[in-house]
N, C-alpha and C. Protein backbone atom coordinates (compact mmCIF):
# COMPACT_ATOMS: atom_id res chain seq x y z
N GLY A 1 -174.43 84.39 7.11
CA GLY A 1 -175.36 83.69 7.35
C GLY A 1 -176.47 84.05 6.01
N LYS A 2 -177.10 85.08 6.01
CA LYS A 2 -178.22 85.38 5.07
C LYS A 2 -177.86 85.47 4.01
N GLN A 3 -176.74 86.80 3.84
CA GLN A 3 -176.74 87.24 2.42
C GLN A 3 -175.75 85.91 2.13
N TRP A 4 -175.22 84.78 2.16
CA TRP A 4 -174.60 84.05 1.67
C TRP A 4 -176.10 83.01 0.76
N TYR A 5 -176.81 82.92 1.74
CA TYR A 5 -178.36 82.37 1.38
C TYR A 5 -178.77 83.16 0.27
N GLN A 6 -178.74 84.13 0.12
CA GLN A 6 -179.45 85.13 -0.77
C GLN A 6 -178.56 84.97 -2.25
N ARG A 7 -177.17 85.00 -2.04
CA ARG A 7 -176.71 84.87 -3.05
C ARG A 7 -176.84 83.44 -3.64
N ARG A 8 -176.39 82.30 -2.89
CA ARG A 8 -176.98 80.63 -3.50
C ARG A 8 -178.40 80.75 -3.87
N VAL A 9 -179.35 81.26 -3.73
CA VAL A 9 -180.61 81.23 -4.14
C VAL A 9 -180.89 82.13 -5.52
N ARG A 10 -180.15 83.02 -5.30
CA ARG A 10 -180.34 83.80 -6.49
C ARG A 10 -179.84 83.03 -7.87
N GLY A 11 -178.42 82.24 -7.16
CA GLY A 11 -177.90 81.64 -8.69
C GLY A 11 -178.79 80.50 -8.92
N HIS A 12 -179.59 79.81 -7.64
CA HIS A 12 -179.93 78.77 -8.07
C HIS A 12 -181.05 79.30 -9.26
N PHE A 13 -181.88 80.38 -9.31
CA PHE A 13 -183.36 80.93 -9.42
C PHE A 13 -182.66 81.07 -11.08
N SER A 14 -181.85 81.19 -11.25
CA SER A 14 -181.20 82.01 -12.22
C SER A 14 -181.11 80.86 -13.39
N MET A 15 -180.40 79.70 -12.93
CA MET A 15 -179.81 78.52 -13.20
C MET A 15 -181.93 78.05 -13.78
N ILE A 16 -182.89 77.95 -12.80
CA ILE A 16 -184.30 77.31 -13.22
C ILE A 16 -184.76 78.52 -14.25
N VAL A 17 -184.38 79.65 -14.25
CA VAL A 17 -185.31 80.47 -15.43
C VAL A 17 -184.57 80.34 -16.64
N CYS A 18 -183.28 80.09 -16.55
CA CYS A 18 -182.59 79.43 -17.75
C CYS A 18 -183.36 78.22 -18.63
N VAL A 19 -183.08 77.28 -17.74
CA VAL A 19 -184.02 75.97 -18.47
C VAL A 19 -185.44 75.97 -18.67
N VAL A 20 -186.12 76.83 -17.69
CA VAL A 20 -187.42 76.86 -17.97
C VAL A 20 -187.64 77.73 -19.51
N SER A 21 -186.78 78.94 -19.38
CA SER A 21 -187.43 79.66 -20.81
C SER A 21 -186.45 78.91 -21.67
N THR A 22 -185.35 78.09 -21.75
CA THR A 22 -185.22 77.19 -22.93
C THR A 22 -186.44 76.15 -23.48
N MET A 23 -187.39 75.49 -22.28
CA MET A 23 -188.30 75.00 -22.76
C MET A 23 -189.25 75.42 -23.78
N LEU A 24 -189.63 76.70 -22.97
CA LEU A 24 -190.56 77.76 -23.93
C LEU A 24 -190.37 78.76 -25.08
N MET A 25 -189.25 78.47 -24.96
CA MET A 25 -188.51 79.51 -26.27
C MET A 25 -187.31 78.68 -27.02
N GLY A 26 -186.74 77.97 -26.82
CA GLY A 26 -185.68 77.30 -27.47
C GLY A 26 -184.63 77.96 -26.89
N SER A 27 -183.37 77.99 -27.85
CA SER A 27 -181.87 78.51 -27.08
C SER A 27 -182.16 79.90 -27.55
N SER A 28 -182.36 80.71 -28.27
CA SER A 28 -182.77 82.27 -28.20
C SER A 28 -183.26 82.69 -26.99
N GLY A 29 -183.81 81.66 -26.58
CA GLY A 29 -184.78 81.88 -24.99
C GLY A 29 -183.89 82.03 -24.08
N TYR A 30 -183.31 80.83 -24.22
CA TYR A 30 -182.14 80.51 -23.04
C TYR A 30 -180.94 81.49 -23.16
N TYR A 31 -180.12 81.75 -24.26
CA TYR A 31 -179.52 82.85 -24.42
C TYR A 31 -179.58 84.29 -23.72
N ILE A 32 -181.19 84.43 -23.93
CA ILE A 32 -182.02 85.84 -23.45
C ILE A 32 -181.75 85.84 -22.30
N SER A 33 -182.55 84.86 -21.43
CA SER A 33 -182.56 84.93 -20.01
C SER A 33 -181.31 84.82 -19.76
N PHE A 34 -180.15 84.04 -19.96
CA PHE A 34 -179.01 83.85 -19.16
C PHE A 34 -177.88 85.43 -19.36
N LEU A 35 -178.39 85.92 -20.40
CA LEU A 35 -177.50 87.46 -20.56
C LEU A 35 -178.29 88.13 -19.40
N TYR A 36 -179.48 88.49 -19.22
CA TYR A 36 -180.23 89.17 -18.27
C TYR A 36 -180.08 88.78 -16.67
N SER A 37 -179.92 87.36 -16.64
CA SER A 37 -179.48 86.94 -15.28
C SER A 37 -178.43 87.20 -14.85
N SER A 38 -177.52 86.79 -15.83
CA SER A 38 -175.88 87.00 -15.57
C SER A 38 -175.50 88.73 -15.19
N ALA A 39 -176.12 89.79 -15.90
CA ALA A 39 -175.89 90.76 -15.45
C ALA A 39 -176.93 91.69 -14.66
N ALA A 40 -177.84 91.04 -14.01
CA ALA A 40 -178.27 90.94 -12.60
C ALA A 40 -177.52 90.78 -11.19
N ILE A 41 -177.19 89.40 -11.29
CA ILE A 41 -176.12 88.65 -10.71
C ILE A 41 -174.78 89.34 -10.68
N VAL A 42 -174.25 89.46 -11.62
CA VAL A 42 -173.11 90.70 -10.94
C VAL A 42 -173.02 91.67 -10.58
N TYR A 43 -174.10 92.29 -10.58
CA TYR A 43 -174.65 94.05 -10.52
C TYR A 43 -174.99 93.46 -8.85
N PHE A 44 -175.60 92.61 -8.42
CA PHE A 44 -175.71 92.39 -7.03
C PHE A 44 -174.90 92.25 -6.27
N LEU A 45 -173.91 91.15 -7.11
CA LEU A 45 -173.01 90.65 -6.31
C LEU A 45 -172.07 91.85 -5.54
N ILE A 46 -172.04 92.52 -7.06
CA ILE A 46 -170.76 93.63 -6.64
C ILE A 46 -171.83 94.56 -5.44
N CYS A 47 -172.71 94.90 -6.00
CA CYS A 47 -172.92 95.94 -4.40
C CYS A 47 -173.37 95.49 -2.71
N THR A 48 -173.25 93.88 -2.72
CA THR A 48 -173.33 93.69 -1.87
C THR A 48 -171.99 93.07 -1.06
N LEU A 49 -171.36 92.27 -2.18
CA LEU A 49 -169.63 92.27 -1.37
C LEU A 49 -169.33 93.01 -1.41
N ARG A 50 -169.67 94.05 -1.98
CA ARG A 50 -168.05 95.44 -2.09
C ARG A 50 -168.51 96.00 -0.35
N TYR A 51 -169.52 95.62 0.19
CA TYR A 51 -169.44 96.09 2.10
C TYR A 51 -168.56 94.65 2.70
N ILE A 52 -168.31 93.80 1.98
CA ILE A 52 -167.98 92.79 2.89
C ILE A 52 -166.25 92.89 2.56
N ILE A 53 -165.96 92.87 1.20
CA ILE A 53 -164.94 93.29 1.04
C ILE A 53 -163.55 94.47 1.58
N LEU A 54 -164.57 95.15 0.65
CA LEU A 54 -164.09 96.54 0.73
C LEU A 54 -164.83 97.35 2.07
N PRO A 55 -164.49 97.29 3.12
CA PRO A 55 -165.27 97.88 4.35
C PRO A 55 -165.07 99.12 4.66
N ASP A 56 -164.13 100.04 3.77
CA ASP A 56 -163.68 101.07 4.00
C ASP A 56 -164.57 101.94 3.32
N SER A 57 -165.40 102.02 3.08
CA SER A 57 -166.36 103.41 2.63
C SER A 57 -166.53 104.23 3.06
N THR A 58 -166.41 105.55 2.65
CA THR A 58 -166.81 106.97 2.91
C THR A 58 -167.97 107.16 3.08
N GLU A 59 -168.45 108.56 3.02
CA GLU A 59 -169.74 109.26 3.94
C GLU A 59 -170.59 109.20 2.07
N ASP A 60 -169.46 109.01 0.86
CA ASP A 60 -170.30 109.48 -0.35
C ASP A 60 -170.38 107.62 -1.14
N ARG A 61 -170.44 106.55 -0.09
CA ARG A 61 -171.06 105.45 0.13
C ARG A 61 -169.97 104.84 -1.54
N ILE A 62 -168.77 105.59 -1.52
CA ILE A 62 -167.94 105.08 -2.54
C ILE A 62 -166.51 104.37 -1.66
N ALA A 63 -166.44 102.82 -1.80
CA ALA A 63 -165.55 102.17 -1.25
C ALA A 63 -164.21 102.27 -1.84
N ARG A 64 -163.31 102.61 -1.29
CA ARG A 64 -162.06 102.62 -1.79
C ARG A 64 -161.19 101.50 -1.43
N GLY A 65 -160.48 100.87 -2.32
CA GLY A 65 -159.83 99.33 -1.47
C GLY A 65 -158.73 98.98 -2.83
N SER A 66 -157.53 98.26 -2.22
CA SER A 66 -156.62 97.80 -2.60
C SER A 66 -156.79 97.40 -3.90
N LYS A 67 -156.07 97.49 -4.65
CA LYS A 67 -156.06 96.73 -6.27
C LYS A 67 -156.65 95.08 -6.28
N ARG A 68 -155.90 94.60 -5.20
CA ARG A 68 -156.03 92.93 -5.01
C ARG A 68 -157.90 92.77 -4.47
N ARG A 69 -158.06 93.90 -3.78
CA ARG A 69 -159.36 93.44 -3.01
C ARG A 69 -160.34 94.03 -4.08
N ASN A 70 -160.22 95.39 -4.88
CA ASN A 70 -161.15 95.08 -6.27
C ASN A 70 -161.52 93.83 -6.75
N ASN A 71 -159.94 93.41 -7.71
CA ASN A 71 -159.92 91.91 -8.41
C ASN A 71 -160.52 91.01 -7.92
N LEU A 72 -160.60 91.00 -6.44
CA LEU A 72 -161.63 89.34 -5.86
C LEU A 72 -162.58 89.55 -6.25
N LEU A 73 -163.10 91.17 -5.86
CA LEU A 73 -164.47 91.60 -6.12
C LEU A 73 -164.94 91.06 -7.60
N LEU A 74 -164.52 91.53 -8.25
CA LEU A 74 -164.84 91.37 -9.81
C LEU A 74 -164.50 89.83 -10.10
N LEU A 75 -163.83 89.21 -9.86
CA LEU A 75 -163.21 87.65 -10.42
C LEU A 75 -164.62 87.19 -9.65
N ILE A 76 -165.24 87.44 -8.16
CA ILE A 76 -166.21 87.04 -7.35
C ILE A 76 -167.61 87.09 -8.43
N ALA A 77 -167.84 88.23 -8.42
CA ALA A 77 -168.72 88.45 -9.33
C ALA A 77 -168.59 87.52 -10.60
N PHE A 78 -168.01 87.70 -11.69
CA PHE A 78 -167.97 87.35 -12.61
C PHE A 78 -167.47 86.20 -12.96
N ILE A 79 -167.36 85.12 -11.83
CA ILE A 79 -167.19 83.74 -12.12
C ILE A 79 -168.38 83.37 -12.18
N GLN A 80 -169.56 83.79 -11.31
CA GLN A 80 -170.81 83.36 -11.14
C GLN A 80 -171.72 83.30 -12.08
N PRO A 81 -171.61 83.79 -13.31
CA PRO A 81 -172.35 83.78 -14.66
C PRO A 81 -171.74 82.28 -15.50
N LEU A 82 -170.51 82.26 -15.47
CA LEU A 82 -169.60 80.98 -15.93
C LEU A 82 -169.66 79.98 -15.48
N ILE A 83 -170.25 79.66 -13.90
CA ILE A 83 -170.61 78.60 -13.55
C ILE A 83 -171.91 78.37 -13.85
N ILE A 84 -172.64 79.33 -14.18
CA ILE A 84 -174.29 79.24 -14.36
C ILE A 84 -174.52 78.69 -16.01
N PHE A 85 -173.24 79.10 -16.52
CA PHE A 85 -173.09 78.64 -17.88
C PHE A 85 -172.81 77.05 -17.92
N TRP A 86 -171.62 77.02 -17.39
CA TRP A 86 -171.10 75.47 -17.22
C TRP A 86 -172.29 74.68 -16.94
N LEU A 87 -173.04 74.97 -15.91
CA LEU A 87 -173.97 73.97 -15.29
C LEU A 87 -175.27 73.81 -16.41
N THR A 88 -175.47 75.18 -16.91
CA THR A 88 -176.68 74.71 -17.97
C THR A 88 -176.67 74.41 -19.20
N HIS A 89 -175.43 75.03 -20.16
CA HIS A 89 -175.79 75.24 -21.24
C HIS A 89 -175.83 74.35 -22.19
N HIS A 90 -175.87 72.66 -21.21
CA HIS A 90 -176.20 71.66 -22.32
C HIS A 90 -177.84 71.20 -22.84
N VAL A 91 -178.40 72.61 -22.21
CA VAL A 91 -180.07 72.22 -22.41
C VAL A 91 -180.13 72.84 -23.46
N THR A 92 -179.43 73.74 -24.01
CA THR A 92 -179.61 74.42 -25.56
C THR A 92 -178.89 73.21 -26.67
N TYR A 93 -178.51 71.99 -26.03
CA TYR A 93 -178.43 71.33 -27.34
C TYR A 93 -179.89 70.81 -27.97
N GLY A 94 -179.78 70.17 -29.21
CA GLY A 94 -181.31 69.74 -29.86
C GLY A 94 -181.50 70.76 -30.46
N PRO A 95 -182.86 70.34 -31.36
CA PRO A 95 -183.72 71.10 -31.93
C PRO A 95 -184.39 72.33 -31.05
N ASP A 96 -185.22 72.90 -31.60
CA ASP A 96 -185.74 74.05 -31.15
C ASP A 96 -187.06 73.60 -30.71
N PRO A 97 -188.00 74.14 -30.11
CA PRO A 97 -189.56 73.52 -30.43
C PRO A 97 -190.35 73.93 -30.61
N THR A 98 -190.43 72.75 -31.70
CA THR A 98 -191.99 73.09 -33.22
C THR A 98 -193.17 73.77 -32.40
N PRO A 99 -193.62 74.68 -33.15
CA PRO A 99 -195.04 75.16 -32.68
C PRO A 99 -196.01 73.94 -33.01
N PRO A 100 -196.94 73.68 -32.43
CA PRO A 100 -197.85 72.58 -32.30
C PRO A 100 -198.51 72.73 -33.63
N PRO A 101 -199.01 71.63 -34.41
CA PRO A 101 -199.75 71.27 -35.62
C PRO A 101 -200.72 72.34 -35.81
N LYS A 102 -200.99 73.30 -36.82
CA LYS A 102 -202.71 73.92 -37.16
C LYS A 102 -203.75 72.69 -36.93
N VAL A 103 -204.52 73.01 -36.33
CA VAL A 103 -205.78 72.46 -36.80
C VAL A 103 -206.84 73.27 -37.69
N SER A 104 -207.26 71.98 -38.99
CA SER A 104 -208.00 73.16 -39.83
C SER A 104 -209.25 72.57 -39.66
């Protein structure tokens, strides 16, 4: 329930940040915000999904699971940035925003 909603909001928030940073700073702003938000999403997905997919965690908080479960965890975590890129990369097309004209 709540974890699904938090992951969904995090993904939408990342897309909004990418689009707004593109409007403010152009394509370089998009790629900077995309890399940062992608790294954050991957990190937090691995931290939260580890307890769902790999429930066998020991006292030292290291989850040991089968290779198939580990691969599923990494696939889910790394597919999210690809989806965000697929949904937002079109905003980088076109010229970078030009600075306002100087008033003399």
